[in-house]
Amino acid sequence: MKAFRVVLAVLVLTAFSAPAFAVDLKSDSFQVTGTVSAMDDSTITVMKGKERFHITKDAATKMTGEVKVGSKVTVHYKMYAVDVEGKAAPAKK
């Protein structure tokens, strides 16, 4: 009976954590190479020519080499929708 409870607990945890992993599996990966123009604990801003990339980061973000304002970096990132709101199309005249 104890083994059944353990297996059931593992299955339930797997079922509830699967959507979190699905985001990583379904999202395309992107990268940008440029100069760091700003950085704090939760974001890094990279300038590629005149384009600005403001990217969120956290404690799990792997940082290698010297990363500071003015450094040239390559950032690998993913994008996914958090919320999508539909709007009615405007009436045609």
PDB file of N, CA and C in Angstrom:
ATOM      1  N   MET A   1       0.824  -1.194   0.000  1.00  0.00           N
ATOM      2  CA  MET A   1       0.000   0.000   0.000  1.00  0.00           C
ATOM      3  C   MET A   1       0.869   1.258   0.000  1.00  0.00           C
ATOM      4  N   LYS A   2       1.989   1.205   0.729  1.00  0.00           N
ATOM      5  CA  LYS A   2       2.880   2.353   0.797  1.00  0.00           C
ATOM      6  C   LYS A   2       3.492   2.634  -0.578  1.00  0.00           C
ATOM      7  N   ALA A   3       3.847   1.580  -1.296  1.00  0.00           N
ATOM      8  CA  ALA A   3       4.421   1.738  -2.642  1.00  0.00           C
ATOM      9  C   ALA A   3       3.396   2.370  -3.579  1.00  0.00           C
ATOM     10  N   PHE A   4       2.142   2.002  -3.444  1.00  0.00           N
ATOM     11  CA  PHE A   4       1.086   2.577  -4.272  1.00  0.00           C
ATOM     12  C   PHE A   4       0.963   4.076  -4.023  1.00  0.00           C
ATOM     13  N   ARG A   5       1.034   4.492  -2.773  1.00  0.00           N
ATOM     14  CA  ARG A   5       0.945   5.918  -2.440  1.00  0.00           C
ATOM     15  C   ARG A   5       2.119   6.700  -3.019  1.00  0.00           C
ATOM     16  N   VAL A   6       3.308   6.109  -2.966  1.00  0.00           N
ATOM     17  CA  VAL A   6       4.487   6.769  -3.520  1.00  0.00           C
ATOM     18  C   VAL A   6       4.334   6.935  -5.030  1.00  0.00           C
ATOM     19  N   VAL A   7       3.912   5.878  -5.712  1.00  0.00           N
ATOM     20  CA  VAL A   7       3.715   5.946  -7.170  1.00  0.00           C
ATOM     21  C   VAL A   7       2.640   6.960  -7.506  1.00  0.00           C
ATOM     22  N   LEU A   8       1.559   6.976  -6.761  1.00  0.00           N
ATOM     23  CA  LEU A   8       0.477   7.934  -6.983  1.00  0.00           C
ATOM     24  C   LEU A   8       0.976   9.366  -6.780  1.00  0.00           C
ATOM     25  N   ALA A   9       1.766   9.599  -5.741  1.00  0.00           N
ATOM     26  CA  ALA A   9       2.306  10.941  -5.482  1.00  0.00           C
ATOM     27  C   ALA A   9       3.214  11.388  -6.619  1.00  0.00           C
ATOM     28  N   VAL A  10       4.055  10.505  -7.121  1.00  0.00           N
ATOM     29  CA  VAL A  10       4.944  10.837  -8.233  1.00  0.00           C
ATOM     30  C   VAL A  10       4.134  11.172  -9.483  1.00  0.00           C
ATOM     31  N   LEU A  11       3.107  10.402  -9.761  1.00  0.00           N
ATOM     32  CA  LEU A  11       2.263  10.668 -10.929  1.00  0.00           C
ATOM     33  C   LEU A  11       1.549  12.007 -10.820  1.00  0.00           C
ATOM     34  N   VAL A  12       1.047  12.331  -9.641  1.00  0.00           N
ATOM     35  CA  VAL A  12       0.352  13.602  -9.445  1.00  0.00           C
ATOM     36  C   VAL A  12       1.328  14.766  -9.607  1.00  0.00           C
ATOM     37  N   LEU A  13       2.497  14.673  -9.012  1.00  0.00           N
ATOM     38  CA  LEU A  13       3.496  15.735  -9.137  1.00  0.00           C
ATOM     39  C   LEU A  13       3.934  15.912 -10.589  1.00  0.00           C
ATOM     40  N   THR A  14       4.108  14.812 -11.293  1.00  0.00           N
ATOM     41  CA  THR A  14       4.493  14.884 -12.701  1.00  0.00           C
ATOM     42  C   THR A  14       3.398  15.555 -13.525  1.00  0.00           C
ATOM     43  N   ALA A  15       2.164  15.214 -13.266  1.00  0.00           N
ATOM     44  CA  ALA A  15       1.048  15.788 -14.025  1.00  0.00           C
ATOM     45  C   ALA A  15       0.946  17.295 -13.815  1.00  0.00           C
ATOM     46  N   PHE A  16       1.170  17.754 -12.582  1.00  0.00           N
ATOM     47  CA  PHE A  16       1.060  19.177 -12.303  1.00  0.00           C
ATOM     48  C   PHE A  16       2.276  19.976 -12.740  1.00  0.00           C
ATOM     49  N   SER A  17       3.426  19.338 -12.868  1.00  0.00           N
ATOM     50  CA  SER A  17       4.622  20.061 -13.295  1.00  0.00           C
ATOM     51  C   SER A  17       4.826  20.015 -14.800  1.00  0.00           C
ATOM     52  N   ALA A  18       4.109  19.177 -15.511  1.00  0.00           N
ATOM     53  CA  ALA A  18       4.276  19.046 -16.963  1.00  0.00           C
ATOM     54  C   ALA A  18       4.034  20.350 -17.717  1.00  0.00           C
ATOM     55  N   PRO A  19       3.008  21.157 -17.387  1.00  0.00           N
ATOM     56  CA  PRO A  19       2.830  22.411 -18.118  1.00  0.00           C
ATOM     57  C   PRO A  19       4.022  23.357 -18.009  1.00  0.00           C
ATOM     58  N   ALA A  20       4.702  23.371 -16.892  1.00  0.00           N
ATOM     59  CA  ALA A  20       5.871  24.241 -16.740  1.00  0.00           C
ATOM     60  C   ALA A  20       6.975  23.817 -17.689  1.00  0.00           C
ATOM     61  N   PHE A  21       7.166  22.526 -17.863  1.00  0.00           N
ATOM     62  CA  PHE A  21       8.187  22.036 -18.778  1.00  0.00           C
ATOM     63  C   PHE A  21       7.755  22.193 -20.219  1.00  0.00           C
ATOM     64  N   ALA A  22       6.467  22.155 -20.478  1.00  0.00           N
ATOM     65  CA  ALA A  22       5.967  22.284 -21.847  1.00  0.00           C
ATOM     66  C   ALA A  22       6.305  23.643 -22.440  1.00  0.00           C
ATOM     67  N   VAL A  23       6.353  24.680 -21.627  1.00  0.00           N
ATOM     68  CA  VAL A  23       6.709  26.009 -22.113  1.00  0.00           C
ATOM     69  C   VAL A  23       8.096  25.979 -22.731  1.00  0.00           C
ATOM     70  N   ASP A  24       9.054  25.345 -22.049  1.00  0.00           N
ATOM     71  CA  ASP A  24      10.408  25.257 -22.572  1.00  0.00           C
ATOM     72  C   ASP A  24      10.470  24.407 -23.828  1.00  0.00           C
ATOM     73  N   LEU A  25       9.682  23.358 -23.886  1.00  0.00           N
ATOM     74  CA  LEU A  25       9.733  22.463 -25.040  1.00  0.00           C
ATOM     75  C   LEU A  25       9.112  23.086 -26.279  1.00  0.00           C
ATOM     76  N   LYS A  26       8.095  23.914 -26.114  1.00  0.00           N
ATOM     77  CA  LYS A  26       7.377  24.473 -27.248  1.00  0.00           C
ATOM     78  C   LYS A  26       7.941  25.803 -27.725  1.00  0.00           C
ATOM     79  N   SER A  27       8.680  26.507 -26.888  1.00  0.00           N
ATOM     80  CA  SER A  27       9.176  27.831 -27.242  1.00  0.00           C
ATOM     81  C   SER A  27      10.433  27.720 -28.085  1.00  0.00           C
ATOM     82  N   ASP A  28      10.491  28.520 -29.146  1.00  0.00           N
ATOM     83  CA  ASP A  28      11.707  28.604 -29.932  1.00  0.00           C
ATOM     84  C   ASP A  28      12.756  29.356 -29.142  1.00  0.00           C
ATOM     85  N   SER A  29      14.004  29.065 -29.416  1.00  0.00           N
ATOM     86  CA  SER A  29      15.103  29.775 -28.785  1.00  0.00           C
ATOM     87  C   SER A  29      15.586  30.883 -29.702  1.00  0.00           C
ATOM     88  N   PHE A  30      15.983  31.993 -29.114  1.00  0.00           N
ATOM     89  CA  PHE A  30      16.504  33.129 -29.854  1.00  0.00           C
ATOM     90  C   PHE A  30      17.828  33.532 -29.226  1.00  0.00           C
ATOM     91  N   GLN A  31      18.586  34.343 -29.925  1.00  0.00           N
ATOM     92  CA  GLN A  31      19.803  34.887 -29.348  1.00  0.00           C
ATOM     93  C   GLN A  31      20.053  36.268 -29.909  1.00  0.00           C
ATOM     94  N   VAL A  32      20.721  37.072 -29.126  1.00  0.00           N
ATOM     95  CA  VAL A  32      21.104  38.418 -29.551  1.00  0.00           C
ATOM     96  C   VAL A  32      22.529  38.662 -29.068  1.00  0.00           C
ATOM     97  N   THR A  33      23.339  39.227 -29.943  1.00  0.00           N
ATOM     98  CA  THR A  33      24.706  39.599 -29.590  1.00  0.00           C
ATOM     99  C   THR A  33      24.818  41.107 -29.688  1.00  0.00           C
ATOM    100  N   GLY A  34      25.319  41.727 -28.645  1.00  0.00           N
ATOM    101  CA  GLY A  34      25.469  43.176 -28.625  1.00  0.00           C
ATOM    102  C   GLY A  34      26.174  43.620 -27.365  1.00  0.00           C
ATOM    103  N   THR A  35      26.030  44.888 -27.057  1.00  0.00           N
ATOM    104  CA  THR A  35      26.698  45.493 -25.910  1.00  0.00           C
ATOM    105  C   THR A  35      25.697  45.708 -24.782  1.00  0.00           C
ATOM    106  N   VAL A  36      26.091  45.344 -23.566  1.00  0.00           N
ATOM    107  CA  VAL A  36      25.231  45.545 -22.396  1.00  0.00           C
ATOM    108  C   VAL A  36      25.144  47.041 -22.114  1.00  0.00           C
ATOM    109  N   SER A  37      23.910  47.576 -22.143  1.00  0.00           N
ATOM    110  CA  SER A  37      23.728  49.002 -21.853  1.00  0.00           C
ATOM    111  C   SER A  37      23.207  49.235 -20.442  1.00  0.00           C
ATOM    112  N   ALA A  38      22.579  48.216 -19.837  1.00  0.00           N
ATOM    113  CA  ALA A  38      22.091  48.304 -18.458  1.00  0.00           C
ATOM    114  C   ALA A  38      21.891  46.891 -17.931  1.00  0.00           C
ATOM    115  N   MET A  39      22.025  46.752 -16.610  1.00  0.00           N
ATOM    116  CA  MET A  39      21.843  45.443 -15.999  1.00  0.00           C
ATOM    117  C   MET A  39      21.549  45.623 -14.520  1.00  0.00           C
ATOM    118  N   ASP A  40      20.594  44.828 -14.014  1.00  0.00           N
ATOM    119  CA  ASP A  40      20.341  44.766 -12.577  1.00  0.00           C
ATOM    120  C   ASP A  40      20.056  43.317 -12.211  1.00  0.00           C
ATOM    121  N   ASP A  41      19.506  43.084 -11.024  1.00  0.00           N
ATOM    122  CA  ASP A  41      19.270  41.709 -10.572  1.00  0.00           C
ATOM    123  C   ASP A  41      18.256  40.956 -11.417  1.00  0.00           C
ATOM    124  N   SER A  42      17.321  41.663 -12.051  1.00  0.00           N
ATOM    125  CA  SER A  42      16.244  40.972 -12.755  1.00  0.00           C
ATOM    126  C   SER A  42      16.206  41.220 -14.262  1.00  0.00           C
ATOM    127  N   THR A  43      17.045  42.092 -14.799  1.00  0.00           N
ATOM    128  CA  THR A  43      17.023  42.364 -16.246  1.00  0.00           C
ATOM    129  C   THR A  43      18.422  42.627 -16.785  1.00  0.00           C
ATOM    130  N   ILE A  44      18.544  42.437 -18.094  1.00  0.00           N
ATOM    131  CA  ILE A  44      19.745  42.833 -18.815  1.00  0.00           C
ATOM    132  C   ILE A  44      19.279  43.494 -20.104  1.00  0.00           C
ATOM    133  N   THR A  45      19.849  44.622 -20.436  1.00  0.00           N
ATOM    134  CA  THR A  45      19.492  45.337 -21.654  1.00  0.00           C
ATOM    135  C   THR A  45      20.689  45.295 -22.586  1.00  0.00           C
ATOM    136  N   VAL A  46      20.450  44.802 -23.808  1.00  0.00           N
ATOM    137  CA  VAL A  46      21.507  44.648 -24.802  1.00  0.00           C
ATOM    138  C   VAL A  46      21.168  45.512 -26.005  1.00  0.00           C
ATOM    139  N   MET A  47      22.141  46.294 -26.452  1.00  0.00           N
ATOM    140  CA  MET A  47      21.979  47.122 -27.650  1.00  0.00           C
ATOM    141  C   MET A  47      22.665  46.423 -28.815  1.00  0.00           C
ATOM    142  N   LYS A  48      21.888  46.193 -29.876  1.00  0.00           N
ATOM    143  CA  LYS A  48      22.425  45.629 -31.115  1.00  0.00           C
ATOM    144  C   LYS A  48      22.185  46.691 -32.169  1.00  0.00           C
ATOM    145  N   GLY A  49      23.204  47.479 -32.462  1.00  0.00           N
ATOM    146  CA  GLY A  49      23.011  48.638 -33.333  1.00  0.00           C
ATOM    147  C   GLY A  49      22.109  49.627 -32.622  1.00  0.00           C
ATOM    148  N   LYS A  50      20.990  49.989 -33.270  1.00  0.00           N
ATOM    149  CA  LYS A  50      20.027  50.904 -32.646  1.00  0.00           C
ATOM    150  C   LYS A  50      18.884  50.159 -31.957  1.00  0.00           C
ATOM    151  N   GLU A  51      18.879  48.820 -32.062  1.00  0.00           N
ATOM    152  CA  GLU A  51      17.828  48.013 -31.443  1.00  0.00           C
ATOM    153  C   GLU A  51      18.164  47.724 -29.993  1.00  0.00           C
ATOM    154  N   ARG A  52      17.152  47.837 -29.117  1.00  0.00           N
ATOM    155  CA  ARG A  52      17.326  47.572 -27.694  1.00  0.00           C
ATOM    156  C   ARG A  52      16.568  46.309 -27.321  1.00  0.00           C
ATOM    157  N   PHE A  53      17.230  45.378 -26.670  1.00  0.00           N
ATOM    158  CA  PHE A  53      16.631  44.138 -26.196  1.00  0.00           C
ATOM    159  C   PHE A  53      16.648  44.173 -24.671  1.00  0.00           C
ATOM    160  N   HIS A  54      15.475  44.262 -24.060  1.00  0.00           N
ATOM    161  CA  HIS A  54      15.324  44.308 -22.607  1.00  0.00           C
ATOM    162  C   HIS A  54      14.839  42.921 -22.192  1.00  0.00           C
ATOM    163  N   ILE A  55      15.707  42.130 -21.568  1.00  0.00           N
ATOM    164  CA  ILE A  55      15.440  40.715 -21.313  1.00  0.00           C
ATOM    165  C   ILE A  55      15.439  40.459 -19.806  1.00  0.00           C
ATOM    166  N   THR A  56      14.419  39.732 -19.346  1.00  0.00           N
ATOM    167  CA  THR A  56      14.301  39.371 -17.933  1.00  0.00           C
ATOM    168  C   THR A  56      15.252  38.228 -17.603  1.00  0.00           C
ATOM    169  N   LYS A  57      15.850  38.286 -16.424  1.00  0.00           N
ATOM    170  CA  LYS A  57      16.699  37.196 -15.944  1.00  0.00           C
ATOM    171  C   LYS A  57      16.407  36.984 -14.466  1.00  0.00           C
ATOM    172  N   ASP A  58      16.862  35.843 -13.928  1.00  0.00           N
ATOM    173  CA  ASP A  58      16.676  35.568 -12.507  1.00  0.00           C
ATOM    174  C   ASP A  58      17.906  34.863 -11.954  1.00  0.00           C
ATOM    175  N   ALA A  59      17.811  34.362 -10.753  1.00  0.00           N
ATOM    176  CA  ALA A  59      18.956  33.719 -10.101  1.00  0.00           C
ATOM    177  C   ALA A  59      19.396  32.456 -10.839  1.00  0.00           C
ATOM    178  N   ALA A  60      18.496  31.831 -11.586  1.00  0.00           N
ATOM    179  CA  ALA A  60      18.828  30.603 -12.315  1.00  0.00           C
ATOM    180  C   ALA A  60      19.511  30.884 -13.655  1.00  0.00           C
ATOM    181  N   THR A  61      19.560  32.144 -14.083  1.00  0.00           N
ATOM    182  CA  THR A  61      20.201  32.497 -15.346  1.00  0.00           C
ATOM    183  C   THR A  61      21.700  32.265 -15.228  1.00  0.00           C
ATOM    184  N   LYS A  62      22.237  31.464 -16.151  1.00  0.00           N
ATOM    185  CA  LYS A  62      23.669  31.144 -16.126  1.00  0.00           C
ATOM    186  C   LYS A  62      24.455  32.302 -16.724  1.00  0.00           C
ATOM    187  N   MET A  63      25.373  32.843 -15.961  1.00  0.00           N
ATOM    188  CA  MET A  63      26.204  33.961 -16.409  1.00  0.00           C
ATOM    189  C   MET A  63      27.647  33.466 -16.443  1.00  0.00           C
ATOM    190  N   THR A  64      28.272  33.496 -17.619  1.00  0.00           N
ATOM    191  CA  THR A  64      29.664  33.074 -17.726  1.00  0.00           C
ATOM    192  C   THR A  64      30.494  34.214 -18.288  1.00  0.00           C
ATOM    193  N   GLY A  65      31.730  34.277 -17.906  1.00  0.00           N
ATOM    194  CA  GLY A  65      32.599  35.355 -18.359  1.00  0.00           C
ATOM    195  C   GLY A  65      32.291  36.645 -17.628  1.00  0.00           C
ATOM    196  N   GLU A  66      32.893  37.720 -18.118  1.00  0.00           N
ATOM    197  CA  GLU A  66      32.702  39.032 -17.506  1.00  0.00           C
ATOM    198  C   GLU A  66      31.490  39.716 -18.134  1.00  0.00           C
ATOM    199  N   VAL A  67      30.438  39.868 -17.356  1.00  0.00           N
ATOM    200  CA  VAL A  67      29.208  40.500 -17.837  1.00  0.00           C
ATOM    201  C   VAL A  67      28.974  41.748 -17.010  1.00  0.00           C
ATOM    202  N   LYS A  68      29.140  42.906 -17.640  1.00  0.00           N
ATOM    203  CA  LYS A  68      28.898  44.190 -16.983  1.00  0.00           C
ATOM    204  C   LYS A  68      28.539  45.199 -18.067  1.00  0.00           C
ATOM    205  N   VAL A  69      28.080  46.376 -17.660  1.00  0.00           N
ATOM    206  CA  VAL A  69      27.720  47.422 -18.625  1.00  0.00           C
ATOM    207  C   VAL A  69      28.952  47.725 -19.484  1.00  0.00           C
ATOM    208  N   GLY A  70      28.747  47.698 -20.804  1.00  0.00           N
ATOM    209  CA  GLY A  70      29.832  47.933 -21.748  1.00  0.00           C
ATOM    210  C   GLY A  70      30.410  46.661 -22.336  1.00  0.00           C
ATOM    211  N   SER A  71      30.135  45.507 -21.715  1.00  0.00           N
ATOM    212  CA  SER A  71      30.642  44.233 -22.221  1.00  0.00           C
ATOM    213  C   SER A  71      29.884  43.800 -23.459  1.00  0.00           C
ATOM    214  N   LYS A  72      30.572  43.091 -24.362  1.00  0.00           N
ATOM    215  CA  LYS A  72      29.900  42.465 -25.504  1.00  0.00           C
ATOM    216  C   LYS A  72      29.458  41.088 -25.044  1.00  0.00           C
ATOM    217  N   VAL A  73      28.187  40.769 -25.270  1.00  0.00           N
ATOM    218  CA  VAL A  73      27.615  39.501 -24.801  1.00  0.00           C
ATOM    219  C   VAL A  73      26.743  38.874 -25.874  1.00  0.00           C
ATOM    220  N   THR A  74      26.502  37.597 -25.718  1.00  0.00           N
ATOM    221  CA  THR A  74      25.484  36.893 -26.486  1.00  0.00           C
ATOM    222  C   THR A  74      24.488  36.345 -25.486  1.00  0.00           C
ATOM    223  N   VAL A  75      23.220  36.710 -25.640  1.00  0.00           N
ATOM    224  CA  VAL A  75      22.158  36.269 -24.732  1.00  0.00           C
ATOM    225  C   VAL A  75      21.260  35.294 -25.481  1.00  0.00           C
ATOM    226  N   HIS A  76      21.050  34.121 -24.912  1.00  0.00           N
ATOM    227  CA  HIS A  76      20.117  33.140 -25.453  1.00  0.00           C
ATOM    228  C   HIS A  76      18.838  33.261 -24.625  1.00  0.00           C
ATOM    229  N   TYR A  77      17.694  33.393 -25.299  1.00  0.00           N
ATOM    230  CA  TYR A  77      16.441  33.600 -24.574  1.00  0.00           C
ATOM    231  C   TYR A  77      15.288  32.941 -25.304  1.00  0.00           C
ATOM    232  N   LYS A  78      14.143  32.835 -24.618  1.00  0.00           N
ATOM    233  CA  LYS A  78      12.919  32.263 -25.173  1.00  0.00           C
ATOM    234  C   LYS A  78      11.779  33.230 -24.946  1.00  0.00           C
ATOM    235  N   MET A  79      10.770  33.169 -25.806  1.00  0.00           N
ATOM    236  CA  MET A  79       9.578  34.013 -25.647  1.00  0.00           C
ATOM    237  C   MET A  79       8.330  33.139 -25.679  1.00  0.00           C
ATOM    238  N   TYR A  80       7.369  33.491 -24.858  1.00  0.00           N
ATOM    239  CA  TYR A  80       6.075  32.834 -24.894  1.00  0.00           C
ATOM    240  C   TYR A  80       5.020  33.787 -24.348  1.00  0.00           C
ATOM    241  N   ALA A  81       3.785  33.584 -24.788  1.00  0.00           N
ATOM    242  CA  ALA A  81       2.686  34.457 -24.376  1.00  0.00           C
ATOM    243  C   ALA A  81       2.240  34.097 -22.960  1.00  0.00           C
ATOM    244  N   VAL A  82       1.994  35.113 -22.174  1.00  0.00           N
ATOM    245  CA  VAL A  82       1.463  34.931 -20.829  1.00  0.00           C
ATOM    246  C   VAL A  82      -0.048  35.126 -20.850  1.00  0.00           C
ATOM    247  N   ASP A  83      -0.515  36.072 -21.677  1.00  0.00           N
ATOM    248  CA  ASP A  83      -1.932  36.391 -21.756  1.00  0.00           C
ATOM    249  C   ASP A  83      -2.223  36.936 -23.154  1.00  0.00           C
ATOM    250  N   VAL A  84      -3.328  36.526 -23.733  1.00  0.00           N
ATOM    251  CA  VAL A  84      -3.741  37.025 -25.048  1.00  0.00           C
ATOM    252  C   VAL A  84      -5.188  37.467 -24.932  1.00  0.00           C
ATOM    253  N   GLU A  85      -5.463  38.711 -25.324  1.00  0.00           N
ATOM    254  CA  GLU A  85      -6.817  39.255 -25.251  1.00  0.00           C
ATOM    255  C   GLU A  85      -7.265  39.629 -26.652  1.00  0.00           C
ATOM    256  N   GLY A  86      -8.364  39.048 -27.094  1.00  0.00           N
ATOM    257  CA  GLY A  86      -8.903  39.342 -28.420  1.00  0.00           C
ATOM    258  C   GLY A  86      -9.747  40.597 -28.402  1.00  0.00           C
ATOM    259  N   LYS A  87      -9.718  41.321 -29.488  1.00  0.00           N
ATOM    260  CA  LYS A  87     -10.528  42.533 -29.646  1.00  0.00           C
ATOM    261  C   LYS A  87     -11.401  42.367 -30.887  1.00  0.00           C
ATOM    262  N   ALA A  88     -12.589  42.923 -30.855  1.00  0.00           N
ATOM    263  CA  ALA A  88     -13.476  42.872 -32.009  1.00  0.00           C
ATOM    264  C   ALA A  88     -12.906  43.716 -33.134  1.00  0.00           C
ATOM    265  N   ALA A  89     -13.030  43.235 -34.341  1.00  0.00           N
ATOM    266  CA  ALA A  89     -12.528  43.986 -35.498  1.00  0.00           C
ATOM    267  C   ALA A  89     -13.399  45.227 -35.680  1.00  0.00           C
ATOM    268  N   PRO A  90     -12.812  46.363 -36.107  1.00  0.00           N
ATOM    269  CA  PRO A  90     -13.607  47.557 -36.318  1.00  0.00           C
ATOM    270  C   PRO A  90     -14.584  47.356 -37.481  1.00  0.00           C
ATOM    271  N   ALA A  91     -15.756  47.950 -37.326  1.00  0.00           N
ATOM    272  CA  ALA A  91     -16.792  47.825 -38.372  1.00  0.00           C
ATOM    273  C   ALA A  91     -16.333  48.516 -39.651  1.00  0.00           C
ATOM    274  N   LYS A  92     -16.572  47.869 -40.789  1.00  0.00           N
ATOM    275  CA  LYS A  92     -16.207  48.479 -42.073  1.00  0.00           C
ATOM    276  C   LYS A  92     -17.283  49.435 -42.512  1.00  0.00           C
ATOM    277  N   LYS A  93     -16.865  50.537 -43.141  1.00  0.00           N
ATOM    278  CA  LYS A  93     -17.820  51.535 -43.606  1.00  0.00           C
ATOM    279  C   LYS A  93     -18.231  51.259 -45.024  1.00  0.00           C
TER     280      LYS A  93
END
